[in-house]
Structure formats: C-alpha cells, structure tokens
Amino acid sequence: MSFIRGVYAVAIGVLIVLLVIFGIGAFYPANAMDVFIIVLPLGAALAVAGALVHGRHGILGASLILGGTGTMIFAITPYRLDSLWRFIGIAVILAVLLVVGLKVLPALRSDSAD
C-alpha cells in the first residue's frame, strides 16, 4: 500500500510541474525571461503549502512538496538565464527545502514511532 501511495504522490508532483510548464507555454510569451520571477515563488509557495498540509493530508502534502520542488527547478533551467539568477534560484530552493524538511521530517519521525 505504501508503494502505491508513493507512486501516487510522485504522479501528482510530476503533473503539477507539467501543468506549470505547459501553462507558461500556453499563456506567456515564448521569449520572456521574467518567467523565473513568476515560477520560482510559485514553486516555493507550493512546497510550503505542502509542508503546512502534510500533517492532515500526508499524500497531498508530499505531492505539493514534490511539485513545488520540481517547479522551482524548472524556474532555473532557461537557457539564457544569467548565472547570478541561477545561483539565487538554487539558494531559494535549498532554503525552502530546509524549512520544509524541518516542518515535515519531525512529523515523519513521530509517525514511525507509533
């Protein structure tokens, strides 16, 4: 059962990332370089929201964390993005994951002790 839950969480996470990627492609000009400024905070918000709902809705929280992380990674991958912006993006991703980890990992430890 936990394998199915894991696959389900990963599937939702991947679909969140694909929704953002294709949404940007469908509704935003192709050569706009300010996608980073929109997508990075969106991914961070998704990951933090996942950490906040993880206690009540574990699978949904994990999916949002995965989707948010993938979205943030997508934000730093444009070909013409300056190295400074990539550095800032990676720093934001790391900070968000550390905060999310501090929120979620203690909850996982207490669940496994029961």
PDB file of N, CA and C in Angstrom:
ATOM      1  N   MET A   1       0.820  -1.194   0.000  1.00  0.00           N
ATOM      2  CA  MET A   1       0.000   0.000   0.000  1.00  0.00           C
ATOM      3  C   MET A   1       0.871   1.268   0.000  1.00  0.00           C
ATOM      4  N   SER A   2       1.987   1.257   0.730  1.00  0.00           N
ATOM      5  CA  SER A   2       2.832   2.443   0.758  1.00  0.00           C
ATOM      6  C   SER A   2       3.492   2.683  -0.596  1.00  0.00           C
ATOM      7  N   PHE A   3       3.749   1.614  -1.354  1.00  0.00           N
ATOM      8  CA  PHE A   3       4.300   1.771  -2.700  1.00  0.00           C
ATOM      9  C   PHE A   3       3.319   2.524  -3.584  1.00  0.00           C
ATOM     10  N   ILE A   4       2.045   2.157  -3.520  1.00  0.00           N
ATOM     11  CA  ILE A   4       1.014   2.823  -4.319  1.00  0.00           C
ATOM     12  C   ILE A   4       0.879   4.281  -3.901  1.00  0.00           C
ATOM     13  N   ARG A   5       0.933   4.550  -2.604  1.00  0.00           N
ATOM     14  CA  ARG A   5       0.871   5.934  -2.118  1.00  0.00           C
ATOM     15  C   ARG A   5       2.064   6.732  -2.640  1.00  0.00           C
ATOM     16  N   GLY A   6       3.243   6.128  -2.656  1.00  0.00           N
ATOM     17  CA  GLY A   6       4.427   6.805  -3.164  1.00  0.00           C
ATOM     18  C   GLY A   6       4.315   7.119  -4.645  1.00  0.00           C
ATOM     19  N   VAL A   7       3.854   6.158  -5.414  1.00  0.00           N
ATOM     20  CA  VAL A   7       3.668   6.367  -6.855  1.00  0.00           C
ATOM     21  C   VAL A   7       2.624   7.451  -7.095  1.00  0.00           C
ATOM     22  N   TYR A   8       1.563   7.430  -6.307  1.00  0.00           N
ATOM     23  CA  TYR A   8       0.509   8.439  -6.425  1.00  0.00           C
ATOM     24  C   TYR A   8       1.062   9.839  -6.128  1.00  0.00           C
ATOM     25  N   ALA A   9       1.849   9.969  -5.071  1.00  0.00           N
ATOM     26  CA  ALA A   9       2.435  11.264  -4.709  1.00  0.00           C
ATOM     27  C   ALA A   9       3.370  11.764  -5.804  1.00  0.00           C
ATOM     28  N   VAL A  10       4.206  10.879  -6.335  1.00  0.00           N
ATOM     29  CA  VAL A  10       5.124  11.271  -7.409  1.00  0.00           C
ATOM     30  C   VAL A  10       4.346  11.661  -8.664  1.00  0.00           C
ATOM     31  N   ALA A  11       3.298  10.922  -8.983  1.00  0.00           N
ATOM     32  CA  ALA A  11       2.497  11.231 -10.171  1.00  0.00           C
ATOM     33  C   ALA A  11       1.870  12.617 -10.058  1.00  0.00           C
ATOM     34  N   ILE A  12       1.301  12.933  -8.907  1.00  0.00           N
ATOM     35  CA  ILE A  12       0.704  14.255  -8.724  1.00  0.00           C
ATOM     36  C   ILE A  12       1.789  15.333  -8.786  1.00  0.00           C
ATOM     37  N   GLY A  13       2.932  15.081  -8.159  1.00  0.00           N
ATOM     38  CA  GLY A  13       4.030  16.044  -8.199  1.00  0.00           C
ATOM     39  C   GLY A  13       4.486  16.328  -9.618  1.00  0.00           C
ATOM     40  N   VAL A  14       4.646  15.282 -10.408  1.00  0.00           N
ATOM     41  CA  VAL A  14       5.064  15.442 -11.804  1.00  0.00           C
ATOM     42  C   VAL A  14       4.000  16.196 -12.596  1.00  0.00           C
ATOM     43  N   LEU A  15       2.742  15.889 -12.360  1.00  0.00           N
ATOM     44  CA  LEU A  15       1.669  16.577 -13.078  1.00  0.00           C
ATOM     45  C   LEU A  15       1.594  18.055 -12.707  1.00  0.00           C
ATOM     46  N   ILE A  16       1.907  18.401 -11.464  1.00  0.00           N
ATOM     47  CA  ILE A  16       1.952  19.814 -11.076  1.00  0.00           C
ATOM     48  C   ILE A  16       3.025  20.535 -11.885  1.00  0.00           C
ATOM     49  N   VAL A  17       4.208  19.919 -11.978  1.00  0.00           N
ATOM     50  CA  VAL A  17       5.298  20.534 -12.741  1.00  0.00           C
ATOM     51  C   VAL A  17       4.904  20.669 -14.210  1.00  0.00           C
ATOM     52  N   LEU A  18       4.335  19.636 -14.790  1.00  0.00           N
ATOM     53  CA  LEU A  18       3.916  19.701 -16.191  1.00  0.00           C
ATOM     54  C   LEU A  18       2.836  20.757 -16.405  1.00  0.00           C
ATOM     55  N   LEU A  19       1.920  20.891 -15.451  1.00  0.00           N
ATOM     56  CA  LEU A  19       0.886  21.913 -15.548  1.00  0.00           C
ATOM     57  C   LEU A  19       1.507  23.307 -15.593  1.00  0.00           C
ATOM     58  N   VAL A  20       2.499  23.550 -14.757  1.00  0.00           N
ATOM     59  CA  VAL A  20       3.183  24.847 -14.759  1.00  0.00           C
ATOM     60  C   VAL A  20       3.930  25.055 -16.081  1.00  0.00           C
ATOM     61  N   ILE A  21       4.669  24.045 -16.521  1.00  0.00           N
ATOM     62  CA  ILE A  21       5.448  24.179 -17.761  1.00  0.00           C
ATOM     63  C   ILE A  21       4.540  24.472 -18.952  1.00  0.00           C
ATOM     64  N   PHE A  22       3.488  23.681 -19.122  1.00  0.00           N
ATOM     65  CA  PHE A  22       2.614  23.882 -20.267  1.00  0.00           C
ATOM     66  C   PHE A  22       1.724  25.108 -20.099  1.00  0.00           C
ATOM     67  N   GLY A  23       1.411  25.478 -18.860  1.00  0.00           N
ATOM     68  CA  GLY A  23       0.669  26.712 -18.615  1.00  0.00           C
ATOM     69  C   GLY A  23       1.475  27.927 -19.016  1.00  0.00           C
ATOM     70  N   ILE A  24       2.766  27.925 -18.678  1.00  0.00           N
ATOM     71  CA  ILE A  24       3.650  29.017 -19.094  1.00  0.00           C
ATOM     72  C   ILE A  24       3.710  29.071 -20.621  1.00  0.00           C
ATOM     73  N   GLY A  25       3.864  27.907 -21.249  1.00  0.00           N
ATOM     74  CA  GLY A  25       3.928  27.859 -22.713  1.00  0.00           C
ATOM     75  C   GLY A  25       2.648  28.318 -23.378  1.00  0.00           C
ATOM     76  N   ALA A  26       1.519  28.041 -22.762  1.00  0.00           N
ATOM     77  CA  ALA A  26       0.235  28.375 -23.377  1.00  0.00           C
ATOM     78  C   ALA A  26      -0.168  29.833 -23.172  1.00  0.00           C
ATOM     79  N   PHE A  27       0.184  30.409 -22.026  1.00  0.00           N
ATOM     80  CA  PHE A  27      -0.347  31.724 -21.691  1.00  0.00           C
ATOM     81  C   PHE A  27       0.699  32.826 -21.582  1.00  0.00           C
ATOM     82  N   TYR A  28       1.951  32.515 -21.846  1.00  0.00           N
ATOM     83  CA  TYR A  28       3.005  33.501 -21.658  1.00  0.00           C
ATOM     84  C   TYR A  28       3.893  33.541 -22.892  1.00  0.00           C
ATOM     85  N   PRO A  29       4.375  34.726 -23.296  1.00  0.00           N
ATOM     86  CA  PRO A  29       5.222  34.811 -24.499  1.00  0.00           C
ATOM     87  C   PRO A  29       6.457  33.912 -24.391  1.00  0.00           C
ATOM     88  N   ALA A  30       6.835  33.331 -25.510  1.00  0.00           N
ATOM     89  CA  ALA A  30       7.896  32.319 -25.540  1.00  0.00           C
ATOM     90  C   ALA A  30       9.257  32.841 -25.110  1.00  0.00           C
ATOM     91  N   ASN A  31       9.593  34.070 -25.411  1.00  0.00           N
ATOM     92  CA  ASN A  31      10.940  34.562 -25.142  1.00  0.00           C
ATOM     93  C   ASN A  31      11.037  35.434 -23.899  1.00  0.00           C
ATOM     94  N   ALA A  32      10.035  35.502 -23.078  1.00  0.00           N
ATOM     95  CA  ALA A  32      10.071  36.332 -21.878  1.00  0.00           C
ATOM     96  C   ALA A  32      10.997  35.695 -20.834  1.00  0.00           C
ATOM     97  N   MET A  33      12.005  36.446 -20.368  1.00  0.00           N
ATOM     98  CA  MET A  33      12.960  35.909 -19.387  1.00  0.00           C
ATOM     99  C   MET A  33      12.533  36.133 -17.949  1.00  0.00           C
ATOM    100  N   ASP A  34      11.398  36.807 -17.750  1.00  0.00           N
ATOM    101  CA  ASP A  34      10.955  37.037 -16.383  1.00  0.00           C
ATOM    102  C   ASP A  34      10.070  35.908 -15.857  1.00  0.00           C
ATOM    103  N   VAL A  35      10.021  34.800 -16.569  1.00  0.00           N
ATOM    104  CA  VAL A  35       9.297  33.618 -16.088  1.00  0.00           C
ATOM    105  C   VAL A  35       9.875  33.172 -14.755  1.00  0.00           C
ATOM    106  N   PHE A  36      11.175  33.325 -14.592  1.00  0.00           N
ATOM    107  CA  PHE A  36      11.857  32.972 -13.348  1.00  0.00           C
ATOM    108  C   PHE A  36      11.208  33.650 -12.155  1.00  0.00           C
ATOM    109  N   ILE A  37      10.897  34.946 -12.308  1.00  0.00           N
ATOM    110  CA  ILE A  37      10.343  35.733 -11.212  1.00  0.00           C
ATOM    111  C   ILE A  37       8.943  35.273 -10.849  1.00  0.00           C
ATOM    112  N   ILE A  38       8.242  34.675 -11.772  1.00  0.00           N
ATOM    113  CA  ILE A  38       6.890  34.173 -11.511  1.00  0.00           C
ATOM    114  C   ILE A  38       6.928  32.736 -10.997  1.00  0.00           C
ATOM    115  N   VAL A  39       7.716  31.895 -11.638  1.00  0.00           N
ATOM    116  CA  VAL A  39       7.675  30.456 -11.371  1.00  0.00           C
ATOM    117  C   VAL A  39       8.399  30.073 -10.083  1.00  0.00           C
ATOM    118  N   LEU A  40       9.513  30.714  -9.768  1.00  0.00           N
ATOM    119  CA  LEU A  40      10.242  30.357  -8.547  1.00  0.00           C
ATOM    120  C   LEU A  40       9.395  30.588  -7.294  1.00  0.00           C
ATOM    121  N   PRO A  41       8.765  31.764  -7.119  1.00  0.00           N
ATOM    122  CA  PRO A  41       7.902  31.930  -5.940  1.00  0.00           C
ATOM    123  C   PRO A  41       6.693  30.995  -5.951  1.00  0.00           C
ATOM    124  N   LEU A  42       6.167  30.704  -7.133  1.00  0.00           N
ATOM    125  CA  LEU A  42       5.050  29.758  -7.221  1.00  0.00           C
ATOM    126  C   LEU A  42       5.472  28.391  -6.701  1.00  0.00           C
ATOM    127  N   GLY A  43       6.629  27.920  -7.124  1.00  0.00           N
ATOM    128  CA  GLY A  43       7.132  26.634  -6.651  1.00  0.00           C
ATOM    129  C   GLY A  43       7.383  26.640  -5.150  1.00  0.00           C
ATOM    130  N   ALA A  44       7.951  27.745  -4.651  1.00  0.00           N
ATOM    131  CA  ALA A  44       8.190  27.857  -3.211  1.00  0.00           C
ATOM    132  C   ALA A  44       6.876  27.824  -2.444  1.00  0.00           C
ATOM    133  N   ALA A  45       5.874  28.522  -2.954  1.00  0.00           N
ATOM    134  CA  ALA A  45       4.563  28.527  -2.290  1.00  0.00           C
ATOM    135  C   ALA A  45       3.940  27.134  -2.282  1.00  0.00           C
ATOM    136  N   LEU A  46       4.075  26.410  -3.381  1.00  0.00           N
ATOM    137  CA  LEU A  46       3.542  25.044  -3.432  1.00  0.00           C
ATOM    138  C   LEU A  46       4.238  24.143  -2.415  1.00  0.00           C
ATOM    139  N   ALA A  47       5.558  24.251  -2.319  1.00  0.00           N
ATOM    140  CA  ALA A  47       6.305  23.408  -1.381  1.00  0.00           C
ATOM    141  C   ALA A  47       5.958  23.748   0.066  1.00  0.00           C
ATOM    142  N   VAL A  48       5.854  25.031   0.378  1.00  0.00           N
ATOM    143  CA  VAL A  48       5.494  25.436   1.747  1.00  0.00           C
ATOM    144  C   VAL A  48       4.066  25.020   2.059  1.00  0.00           C
ATOM    145  N   ALA A  49       3.163  25.169   1.104  1.00  0.00           N
ATOM    146  CA  ALA A  49       1.782  24.715   1.308  1.00  0.00           C
ATOM    147  C   ALA A  49       1.748  23.210   1.568  1.00  0.00           C
ATOM    148  N   GLY A  50       2.586  22.478   0.868  1.00  0.00           N
ATOM    149  CA  GLY A  50       2.664  21.032   1.101  1.00  0.00           C
ATOM    150  C   GLY A  50       3.119  20.713   2.509  1.00  0.00           C
ATOM    151  N   ALA A  51       4.065  21.491   3.012  1.00  0.00           N
ATOM    152  CA  ALA A  51       4.534  21.274   4.388  1.00  0.00           C
ATOM    153  C   ALA A  51       3.443  21.604   5.391  1.00  0.00           C
ATOM    154  N   LEU A  52       2.649  22.616   5.083  1.00  0.00           N
ATOM    155  CA  LEU A  52       1.589  23.014   6.010  1.00  0.00           C
ATOM    156  C   LEU A  52       0.445  22.004   6.076  1.00  0.00           C
ATOM    157  N   VAL A  53       0.116  21.378   4.946  1.00  0.00           N
ATOM    158  CA  VAL A  53      -0.996  20.416   4.940  1.00  0.00           C
ATOM    159  C   VAL A  53      -0.537  18.981   5.161  1.00  0.00           C
ATOM    160  N   HIS A  54       0.768  18.777   5.257  1.00  0.00           N
ATOM    161  CA  HIS A  54       1.297  17.414   5.363  1.00  0.00           C
ATOM    162  C   HIS A  54       0.752  16.657   6.574  1.00  0.00           C
ATOM    163  N   GLY A  55       0.613  17.321   7.694  1.00  0.00           N
ATOM    164  CA  GLY A  55       0.140  16.645   8.897  1.00  0.00           C
ATOM    165  C   GLY A  55      -1.266  16.099   8.766  1.00  0.00           C
ATOM    166  N   ARG A  56      -2.133  16.841   8.088  1.00  0.00           N
ATOM    167  CA  ARG A  56      -3.531  16.416   7.930  1.00  0.00           C
ATOM    168  C   ARG A  56      -3.753  15.572   6.682  1.00  0.00           C
ATOM    169  N   HIS A  57      -3.038  15.885   5.630  1.00  0.00           N
ATOM    170  CA  HIS A  57      -3.208  15.207   4.337  1.00  0.00           C
ATOM    171  C   HIS A  57      -1.826  14.800   3.831  1.00  0.00           C
ATOM    172  N   GLY A  58      -1.263  13.769   4.389  1.00  0.00           N
ATOM    173  CA  GLY A  58       0.115  13.372   4.112  1.00  0.00           C
ATOM    174  C   GLY A  58       0.445  13.228   2.645  1.00  0.00           C
ATOM    175  N   ILE A  59      -0.384  12.521   1.897  1.00  0.00           N
ATOM    176  CA  ILE A  59      -0.081  12.262   0.494  1.00  0.00           C
ATOM    177  C   ILE A  59      -0.182  13.539  -0.332  1.00  0.00           C
ATOM    178  N   LEU A  60      -1.163  14.381  -0.031  1.00  0.00           N
ATOM    179  CA  LEU A  60      -1.305  15.649  -0.732  1.00  0.00           C
ATOM    180  C   LEU A  60      -0.132  16.565  -0.393  1.00  0.00           C
ATOM    181  N   GLY A  61       0.269  16.591   0.860  1.00  0.00           N
ATOM    182  CA  GLY A  61       1.408  17.406   1.259  1.00  0.00           C
ATOM    183  C   GLY A  61       2.679  16.989   0.545  1.00  0.00           C
ATOM    184  N   ALA A  62       2.918  15.686   0.502  1.00  0.00           N
ATOM    185  CA  ALA A  62       4.109  15.181  -0.193  1.00  0.00           C
ATOM    186  C   ALA A  62       4.064  15.518  -1.679  1.00  0.00           C
ATOM    187  N   SER A  63       2.893  15.422  -2.275  1.00  0.00           N
ATOM    188  CA  SER A  63       2.744  15.748  -3.695  1.00  0.00           C
ATOM    189  C   SER A  63       3.026  17.216  -3.955  1.00  0.00           C
ATOM    190  N   LEU A  64       2.520  18.087  -3.094  1.00  0.00           N
ATOM    191  CA  LEU A  64       2.759  19.518  -3.267  1.00  0.00           C
ATOM    192  C   LEU A  64       4.234  19.862  -3.067  1.00  0.00           C
ATOM    193  N   ILE A  65       4.873  19.193  -2.116  1.00  0.00           N
ATOM    194  CA  ILE A  65       6.308  19.422  -1.908  1.00  0.00           C
ATOM    195  C   ILE A  65       7.098  19.005  -3.144  1.00  0.00           C
ATOM    196  N   LEU A  66       6.790  17.831  -3.680  1.00  0.00           N
ATOM    197  CA  LEU A  66       7.475  17.368  -4.896  1.00  0.00           C
ATOM    198  C   LEU A  66       7.195  18.277  -6.086  1.00  0.00           C
ATOM    199  N   GLY A  67       5.925  18.631  -6.262  1.00  0.00           N
ATOM    200  CA  GLY A  67       5.558  19.509  -7.372  1.00  0.00           C
ATOM    201  C   GLY A  67       6.187  20.888  -7.242  1.00  0.00           C
ATOM    202  N   GLY A  68       6.205  21.422  -6.040  1.00  0.00           N
ATOM    203  CA  GLY A  68       6.831  22.724  -5.814  1.00  0.00           C
ATOM    204  C   GLY A  68       8.325  22.693  -6.064  1.00  0.00           C
ATOM    205  N   THR A  69       8.966  21.626  -5.621  1.00  0.00           N
ATOM    206  CA  THR A  69      10.407  21.484  -5.849  1.00  0.00           C
ATOM    207  C   THR A  69      10.708  21.384  -7.341  1.00  0.00           C
ATOM    208  N   GLY A  70       9.958  20.570  -8.049  1.00  0.00           N
ATOM    209  CA  GLY A  70      10.145  20.459  -9.498  1.00  0.00           C
ATOM    210  C   GLY A  70       9.874  21.765 -10.219  1.00  0.00           C
ATOM    211  N   THR A  71       8.879  22.502  -9.755  1.00  0.00           N
ATOM    212  CA  THR A  71       8.565  23.798 -10.350  1.00  0.00           C
ATOM    213  C   THR A  71       9.708  24.786 -10.133  1.00  0.00           C
ATOM    214  N   MET A  72      10.285  24.771  -8.926  1.00  0.00           N
ATOM    215  CA  MET A  72      11.420  25.665  -8.666  1.00  0.00           C
ATOM    216  C   MET A  72      12.623  25.286  -9.525  1.00  0.00           C
ATOM    217  N   ILE A  73      12.837  24.002  -9.712  1.00  0.00           N
ATOM    218  CA  ILE A  73      13.943  23.566 -10.570  1.00  0.00           C
ATOM    219  C   ILE A  73      13.689  24.009 -12.011  1.00  0.00           C
ATOM    220  N   PHE A  74      12.447  23.891 -12.464  1.00  0.00           N
ATOM    221  CA  PHE A  74      12.103  24.373 -13.812  1.00  0.00           C
ATOM    222  C   PHE A  74      12.392  25.866 -13.952  1.00  0.00           C
ATOM    223  N   ALA A  75      12.208  26.626 -12.880  1.00  0.00           N
ATOM    224  CA  ALA A  75      12.416  28.077 -12.938  1.00  0.00           C
ATOM    225  C   ALA A  75      13.862  28.444 -13.232  1.00  0.00           C
ATOM    226  N   ILE A  76      14.805  27.597 -12.835  1.00  0.00           N
ATOM    227  CA  ILE A  76      16.217  27.953 -13.034  1.00  0.00           C
ATOM    228  C   ILE A  76      16.834  27.310 -14.273  1.00  0.00           C
ATOM    229  N   THR A  77      16.038  26.622 -15.079  1.00  0.00           N
ATOM    230  CA  THR A  77      16.598  25.916 -16.229  1.00  0.00           C
ATOM    231  C   THR A  77      16.598  26.674 -17.554  1.00  0.00           C
ATOM    232  N   PRO A  78      15.977  27.867 -17.685  1.00  0.00           N
ATOM    233  CA  PRO A  78      16.021  28.523 -19.001  1.00  0.00           C
ATOM    234  C   PRO A  78      17.445  28.719 -19.496  1.00  0.00           C
ATOM    235  N   TYR A  79      17.619  28.543 -20.788  1.00  0.00           N
ATOM    236  CA  TYR A  79      18.947  28.565 -21.404  1.00  0.00           C
ATOM    237  C   TYR A  79      19.649  29.903 -21.201  1.00  0.00           C
ATOM    238  N   ARG A  80      18.937  31.008 -21.333  1.00  0.00           N
ATOM    239  CA  ARG A  80      19.577  32.319 -21.273  1.00  0.00           C
ATOM    240  C   ARG A  80      19.513  32.959 -19.889  1.00  0.00           C
ATOM    241  N   LEU A  81      19.207  32.222 -18.865  1.00  0.00           N
ATOM    242  CA  LEU A  81      19.156  32.781 -17.515  1.00  0.00           C
ATOM    243  C   LEU A  81      20.577  33.020 -17.023  1.00  0.00           C
ATOM    244  N   ASP A  82      20.827  34.209 -16.518  1.00  0.00           N
ATOM    245  CA  ASP A  82      22.147  34.597 -16.032  1.00  0.00           C
ATOM    246  C   ASP A  82      22.555  33.733 -14.832  1.00  0.00           C
ATOM    247  N   SER A  83      23.862  33.513 -14.693  1.00  0.00           N
ATOM    248  CA  SER A  83      24.377  32.670 -13.602  1.00  0.00           C
ATOM    249  C   SER A  83      24.001  33.212 -12.231  1.00  0.00           C
ATOM    250  N   LEU A  84      23.946  34.519 -12.073  1.00  0.00           N
ATOM    251  CA  LEU A  84      23.550  35.102 -10.790  1.00  0.00           C
ATOM    252  C   LEU A  84      22.131  34.692 -10.425  1.00  0.00           C
ATOM    253  N   TRP A  85      21.214  34.730 -11.412  1.00  0.00           N
ATOM    254  CA  TRP A  85      19.836  34.331 -11.149  1.00  0.00           C
ATOM    255  C   TRP A  85      19.735  32.836 -10.856  1.00  0.00           C
ATOM    256  N   ARG A  86      20.557  32.038 -11.538  1.00  0.00           N
ATOM    257  CA  ARG A  86      20.577  30.594 -11.225  1.00  0.00           C
ATOM    258  C   ARG A  86      21.059  30.364  -9.804  1.00  0.00           C
ATOM    259  N   PHE A  87      22.097  31.087  -9.393  1.00  0.00           N
ATOM    260  CA  PHE A  87      22.607  30.978  -8.025  1.00  0.00           C
ATOM    261  C   PHE A  87      21.528  31.361  -7.013  1.00  0.00           C
ATOM    262  N   ILE A  88      20.853  32.483  -7.262  1.00  0.00           N
ATOM    263  CA  ILE A  88      19.774  32.911  -6.369  1.00  0.00           C
ATOM    264  C   ILE A  88      18.669  31.864  -6.333  1.00  0.00           C
ATOM    265  N   GLY A  89      18.323  31.328  -7.496  1.00  0.00           N
ATOM    266  CA  GLY A  89      17.283  30.297  -7.556  1.00  0.00           C
ATOM    267  C   GLY A  89      17.645  29.061  -6.764  1.00  0.00           C
ATOM    268  N   ILE A  90      18.872  28.605  -6.898  1.00  0.00           N
ATOM    269  CA  ILE A  90      19.307  27.419  -6.160  1.00  0.00           C
ATOM    270  C   ILE A  90      19.321  27.700  -4.659  1.00  0.00           C
ATOM    271  N   ALA A  91      19.729  28.911  -4.273  1.00  0.00           N
ATOM    272  CA  ALA A  91      19.716  29.278  -2.856  1.00  0.00           C
ATOM    273  C   ALA A  91      18.291  29.279  -2.308  1.00  0.00           C
ATOM    274  N   VAL A  92      17.342  29.785  -3.084  1.00  0.00           N
ATOM    275  CA  VAL A  92      15.938  29.783  -2.653  1.00  0.00           C
ATOM    276  C   VAL A  92      15.421  28.362  -2.540  1.00  0.00           C
ATOM    277  N   ILE A  93      15.716  27.523  -3.526  1.00  0.00           N
ATOM    278  CA  ILE A  93      15.271  26.126  -3.482  1.00  0.00           C
ATOM    279  C   ILE A  93      15.814  25.433  -2.244  1.00  0.00           C
ATOM    280  N   LEU A  94      17.095  25.617  -1.975  1.00  0.00           N
ATOM    281  CA  LEU A  94      17.706  24.995  -0.799  1.00  0.00           C
ATOM    282  C   LEU A  94      17.065  25.502   0.484  1.00  0.00           C
ATOM    283  N   ALA A  95      16.848  26.810   0.582  1.00  0.00           N
ATOM    284  CA  ALA A  95      16.223  27.368   1.788  1.00  0.00           C
ATOM    285  C   ALA A  95      14.819  26.817   1.995  1.00  0.00           C
ATOM    286  N   VAL A  96      14.037  26.763   0.924  1.00  0.00           N
ATOM    287  CA  VAL A  96      12.671  26.241   1.032  1.00  0.00           C
ATOM    288  C   VAL A  96      12.693  24.777   1.456  1.00  0.00           C
ATOM    289  N   LEU A  97      13.572  23.991   0.844  1.00  0.00           N
ATOM    290  CA  LEU A  97      13.634  22.569   1.201  1.00  0.00           C
ATOM    291  C   LEU A  97      14.088  22.362   2.642  1.00  0.00           C
ATOM    292  N   LEU A  98      14.990  23.203   3.128  1.00  0.00           N
ATOM    293  CA  LEU A  98      15.403  23.096   4.529  1.00  0.00           C
ATOM    294  C   LEU A  98      14.251  23.421   5.470  1.00  0.00           C
ATOM    295  N   VAL A  99      13.511  24.486   5.178  1.00  0.00           N
ATOM    296  CA  VAL A  99      12.357  24.852   6.008  1.00  0.00           C
ATOM    297  C   VAL A  99      11.284  23.766   5.945  1.00  0.00           C
ATOM    298  N   VAL A 100      10.996  23.290   4.736  1.00  0.00           N
ATOM    299  CA  VAL A 100      10.002  22.220   4.572  1.00  0.00           C
ATOM    300  C   VAL A 100      10.462  20.960   5.293  1.00  0.00           C
ATOM    301  N   GLY A 101      11.745  20.639   5.187  1.00  0.00           N
ATOM    302  CA  GLY A 101      12.273  19.460   5.867  1.00  0.00           C
ATOM    303  C   GLY A 101      12.160  19.569   7.368  1.00  0.00           C
ATOM    304  N   LEU A 102      12.426  20.746   7.916  1.00  0.00           N
ATOM    305  CA  LEU A 102      12.290  20.933   9.362  1.00  0.00           C
ATOM    306  C   LEU A 102      10.845  20.785   9.812  1.00  0.00           C
ATOM    307  N   LYS A 103       9.907  21.148   8.944  1.00  0.00           N
ATOM    308  CA  LYS A 103       8.487  21.029   9.270  1.00  0.00           C
ATOM    309  C   LYS A 103       7.984  19.596   9.101  1.00  0.00           C
ATOM    310  N   VAL A 104       8.415  18.926   8.052  1.00  0.00           N
ATOM    311  CA  VAL A 104       7.849  17.616   7.696  1.00  0.00           C
ATOM    312  C   VAL A 104       8.601  16.458   8.354  1.00  0.00           C
ATOM    313  N   LEU A 105       9.919  16.502   8.384  1.00  0.00           N
ATOM    314  CA  LEU A 105      10.686  15.353   8.877  1.00  0.00           C
ATOM    315  C   LEU A 105      10.413  15.012  10.337  1.00  0.00           C
ATOM    316  N   PRO A 106      10.256  15.974  11.264  1.00  0.00           N
ATOM    317  CA  PRO A 106       9.893  15.573  12.628  1.00  0.00           C
ATOM    318  C   PRO A 106       8.541  14.859  12.685  1.00  0.00           C
ATOM    319  N   ALA A 107       7.608  15.266  11.830  1.00  0.00           N
ATOM    320  CA  ALA A 107       6.316  14.597  11.788  1.00  0.00           C
ATOM    321  C   ALA A 107       6.460  13.160  11.300  1.00  0.00           C
ATOM    322  N   LEU A 108       7.361  12.927  10.361  1.00  0.00           N
ATOM    323  CA  LEU A 108       7.592  11.565   9.891  1.00  0.00           C
ATOM    324  C   LEU A 108       8.219  10.705  10.973  1.00  0.00           C
ATOM    325  N   ARG A 109       9.133  11.266  11.748  1.00  0.00           N
ATOM    326  CA  ARG A 109       9.748  10.506  12.834  1.00  0.00           C
ATOM    327  C   ARG A 109       8.725  10.124  13.892  1.00  0.00           C
ATOM    328  N   SER A 110       7.815  11.028  14.224  1.00  0.00           N
ATOM    329  CA  SER A 110       6.826  10.713  15.257  1.00  0.00           C
ATOM    330  C   SER A 110       5.806   9.694  14.739  1.00  0.00           C
ATOM    331  N   ASP A 111       5.530   9.723  13.426  1.00  0.00           N
ATOM    332  CA  ASP A 111       4.608   8.736  12.863  1.00  0.00           C
ATOM    333  C   ASP A 111       5.207   7.341  12.897  1.00  0.00           C
ATOM    334  N   SER A 112       6.506   7.228  12.651  1.00  0.00           N
ATOM    335  CA  SER A 112       7.133   5.907  12.601  1.00  0.00           C
ATOM    336  C   SER A 112       7.303   5.308  13.989  1.00  0.00           C
ATOM    337  N   ALA A 113       7.287   6.156  15.036  1.00  0.00           N
ATOM    338  CA  ALA A 113       7.447   5.651  16.394  1.00  0.00           C
ATOM    339  C   ALA A 113       6.173   5.004  16.903  1.00  0.00           C
ATOM    340  N   ASP A 114       5.035   5.355  16.319  1.00  0.00           N
ATOM    341  CA  ASP A 114       3.767   4.795  16.789  1.00  0.00           C
ATOM    342  C   ASP A 114       3.558   3.368  16.388  1.00  0.00           C
TER     343      ASP A 114
END
